[in-house]
Structure formats: C-alpha cells, structure tokens
Protein backbone atom coordinates (compact mmCIF):
# COMPACT_ATOMS: atom_id res chain seq x y z
CA UNK A 1 0.00 0.00 0.00
CA UNK A 2 1.39 3.38 -1.02
CA UNK A 3 1.74 6.00 1.69
CA UNK A 4 0.10 9.39 1.20
CA UNK A 5 2.50 12.36 1.42
CA UNK A 6 2.19 14.28 4.67
CA UNK A 7 2.46 18.04 5.10
CA UNK A 8 5.35 19.82 6.78
CA UNK A 9 4.23 21.46 10.03
CA UNK A 10 7.18 23.44 11.42
CA UNK A 11 10.89 23.67 12.06
CA UNK A 12 12.55 24.63 15.35
CA UNK A 13 15.50 27.02 15.50
CA UNK A 14 17.71 27.81 18.51
CA UNK A 15 19.01 31.39 18.69
CA UNK A 16 20.89 33.51 21.24
CA UNK A 17 18.47 36.48 21.02
CA UNK A 18 14.78 35.68 20.57
CA UNK A 19 13.58 39.23 19.91
CA UNK A 20 16.30 39.82 17.31
CA UNK A 21 15.41 36.53 15.58
CA UNK A 22 11.70 37.33 15.50
CA UNK A 23 12.54 40.77 14.05
CA UNK A 24 14.85 39.25 11.41
CA UNK A 25 12.40 36.60 10.19
CA UNK A 26 9.38 38.93 10.21
CA UNK A 27 11.16 41.93 8.65
CA UNK A 28 13.14 40.04 6.00
CA UNK A 29 10.62 37.34 5.03
CA UNK A 30 7.33 38.82 6.21
CA UNK A 31 6.56 35.78 8.37
CA UNK A 32 3.53 36.15 10.63
CA UNK A 33 4.01 36.24 14.40
CA UNK A 34 1.60 33.63 15.72
CA UNK A 35 2.82 33.84 19.32
CA UNK A 36 5.21 36.57 20.50
CA UNK A 37 8.15 35.69 22.78
CA UNK A 38 7.10 33.85 25.94
CA UNK A 39 8.95 32.16 28.77
CA UNK A 40 8.40 28.49 29.59
CA UNK A 41 9.67 27.06 32.87
CA UNK A 42 10.34 23.54 34.02
CA UNK A 43 7.24 22.69 36.03
CA UNK A 44 4.21 20.37 36.06
CA UNK A 45 2.27 22.31 33.39
CA UNK A 46 1.50 20.54 30.12
CA UNK A 47 4.16 22.53 28.21
CA UNK A 48 6.65 22.12 31.07
CA UNK A 49 6.18 18.35 31.00
CA UNK A 50 6.48 18.24 27.20
CA UNK A 51 9.77 20.12 27.35
CA UNK A 52 11.09 17.78 30.06
CA UNK A 53 10.15 14.82 27.86
CA UNK A 54 12.24 16.30 25.03
CA UNK A 55 15.16 18.00 26.86
CA UNK A 56 15.36 15.87 30.00
CA UNK A 57 15.21 17.05 33.59
CA UNK A 58 17.15 20.16 34.51
CA UNK A 59 16.46 22.32 31.45
CA UNK A 60 15.10 24.97 33.87
CA UNK A 61 13.60 27.52 31.47
CA UNK A 62 13.52 28.70 27.87
CA UNK A 63 11.99 31.44 25.78
CA UNK A 64 9.97 30.68 22.66
CA UNK A 65 8.10 32.41 19.83
CA UNK A 66 6.05 30.99 16.98
CA UNK A 67 6.03 32.39 13.43
CA UNK A 68 4.35 31.17 10.25
CA UNK A 69 5.13 31.35 6.55
CA UNK A 70 2.54 32.31 3.92
CA UNK A 71 1.99 28.60 3.20
CA UNK A 72 1.33 27.87 6.91
CA UNK A 73 4.66 26.24 7.79
CA UNK A 74 5.63 27.12 11.35
CA UNK A 75 8.95 28.54 12.49
CA UNK A 76 9.40 27.77 16.19
CA UNK A 77 12.22 29.86 17.63
CA UNK A 78 13.85 28.93 20.95
CA UNK A 79 16.24 30.84 23.18
CA UNK A 80 17.83 28.65 25.84
CA UNK A 81 19.89 30.14 28.69
CA UNK A 82 23.61 29.79 28.03
CA UNK A 83 23.11 28.44 24.51
CA UNK A 84 26.09 28.74 22.18
CA UNK A 85 26.89 28.54 18.52
CA UNK A 86 28.23 25.23 17.22
CA UNK A 87 31.90 24.99 16.34
CA UNK A 88 30.95 24.52 12.71
CA UNK A 89 27.63 25.97 11.53
CA UNK A 90 27.40 23.80 8.42
CA UNK A 91 28.45 20.41 9.66
CA UNK A 92 27.18 18.54 6.60
CA UNK A 93 29.05 15.34 7.53
CA UNK A 94 27.14 15.02 10.80
CA UNK A 95 23.83 13.17 10.64
CA UNK A 96 20.77 15.35 11.13
CA UNK A 97 19.33 18.51 9.71
CA UNK A 98 21.86 20.95 8.33
CA UNK A 99 19.66 23.44 6.46
CA UNK A 100 16.17 24.42 5.43
CA UNK A 101 15.03 26.39 2.38
CA UNK A 102 12.87 29.45 1.80
CA UNK A 103 11.43 30.17 -1.64
CA UNK A 104 11.40 33.68 -3.13
CA UNK A 105 11.23 34.46 -6.85
CA UNK A 106 13.57 37.44 -6.30
CA UNK A 107 16.65 35.58 -5.04
CA UNK A 108 18.90 38.59 -5.58
CA UNK A 109 16.56 40.92 -3.68
CA UNK A 110 16.00 38.62 -0.71
CA UNK A 111 19.73 37.87 -0.41
CA UNK A 112 20.37 41.63 -0.30
CA UNK A 113 17.75 41.97 2.48
CA UNK A 114 19.34 39.10 4.44
CA UNK A 115 22.79 40.70 4.25
CA UNK A 116 21.42 44.18 5.09
CA UNK A 117 19.71 42.69 8.17
CA UNK A 118 22.97 41.19 9.48
CA UNK A 119 22.96 37.83 7.71
CA UNK A 120 25.58 36.50 5.33
CA UNK A 121 25.68 35.27 1.74
CA UNK A 122 27.72 32.02 1.70
CA UNK A 123 28.08 31.69 -2.08
CA UNK A 124 27.29 33.41 -5.36
CA UNK A 125 23.72 33.04 -6.62
CA UNK A 126 23.80 30.02 -8.94
CA UNK A 127 21.58 28.76 -11.74
CA UNK A 128 20.58 25.11 -11.94
CA UNK A 129 20.24 25.13 -15.74
CA UNK A 130 22.18 28.16 -17.06
CA UNK A 131 20.64 29.54 -20.23
CA UNK A 132 17.88 26.91 -20.13
CA UNK A 133 15.62 27.41 -17.09
CA UNK A 134 15.38 30.34 -14.66
CA UNK A 135 15.92 28.28 -11.48
CA UNK A 136 18.31 30.01 -9.05
CA UNK A 137 19.56 29.28 -5.56
CA UNK A 138 21.90 30.57 -2.87
CA UNK A 139 23.05 29.43 0.58
CA UNK A 140 22.89 32.14 3.25
CA UNK A 141 23.01 32.53 7.04
CA UNK A 142 20.82 34.48 9.41
CA UNK A 143 22.56 36.87 11.87
CA UNK A 144 22.92 33.96 14.34
CA UNK A 145 24.83 31.67 11.96
CA UNK A 146 21.89 29.40 11.05
CA UNK A 147 22.47 28.20 7.50
CA UNK A 148 19.60 28.03 5.06
CA UNK A 149 19.00 28.11 1.34
CA UNK A 150 17.00 30.37 -0.96
CA UNK A 151 15.26 28.90 -4.04
CA UNK A 152 13.65 30.91 -6.82
CA UNK A 153 11.14 28.20 -7.69
CA UNK A 154 9.38 25.31 -5.99
CA UNK A 155 11.26 22.20 -4.98
CA UNK A 156 8.95 20.04 -7.12
CA UNK A 157 9.54 22.17 -10.21
CA UNK A 158 13.32 22.25 -9.84
CA UNK A 159 13.67 18.49 -9.28
CA UNK A 160 10.83 17.20 -11.46
CA UNK A 161 11.30 14.63 -14.20
CA UNK A 162 14.25 15.47 -16.38
CA UNK A 163 16.13 17.40 -13.74
CA UNK A 164 19.87 17.22 -14.35
CA UNK A 165 19.30 15.36 -17.62
CA UNK A 166 21.79 16.24 -20.31
C-alpha cells in the first residue's frame, strides 16, 4: 500500500536572542508572528512536561516564539539560557538537519535583504540550468549563523522529471 505524502508542520531554530530573531524573520521574510516571545519554565504544566520529555530534567527555562510562513509552515524559535553557537555551523558530515530552504522568486533581492539585516551570503547566486531554465539558488546565514537556502522556484519544479538530464 502506497503512503500518502504528509504536510510539513514546522521547524525549530535555537538562537541567542529571541527578539532579534523574530525581528529578522518577520522583517526580511514577512513571516507572521503567531505567538510573541514567551517564557516556559520547568514545572508540572503541560508545556513544562512536554519540554522535560524532550530536553530531560534540569532544562530549567527557555523562551519561545512561533512564526508562520505564507503557506502555513511554522517557524518555532527557541532561546535557551547559556546556549552557544556550534563549532561549525554547516556540519554537513554530521547526521541530522543541516539546512532548510525558503522560496522567493527574487533571489537577488531577498539575499540583499538578508545581508542588510545582518545575515551572510555564503556563495554566489547560482543557476541550476544556465541559459535553459530560470531556477536560481543561494546558501545564506541568518545573523545567528543558522544556514539556510534560498530557491527561486518550488522544490517540485526544480527536481521534477528530467532534472539534471543532459
């Protein structure tokens, strides 16, 4: 029996400054603020118990905000006390998630906004099929070193039948 594709609900990001992250993602990408920054503490509340289930005992407290994209994908942003940047912010040889992607038809314009807001462009904007199809991409970082990608077109369109065919 074939499985039906599921929808993507949200991604969680850990940042050192929750307010600055909310400002970056709402100002640069226009994401909606679903829940402004809040504090969650380790206690017997439902959310406190859920966090203990995930982080283990002794996590103490965290701050969290919830944003949403235009297509209803959530961006859950966490600020943990004493959090720190990884030694290598694009550890592609380590198992696990190493990037996400945001789609914008104006790759050049959104990359400029990212850089102007304190982010970083990691590479030149590249074309998947130079001279053939208008699909462009670029890896960038937010001001906190979180690596993500920008696509000009949908994932399905870029990788559909015939992609990379010569």
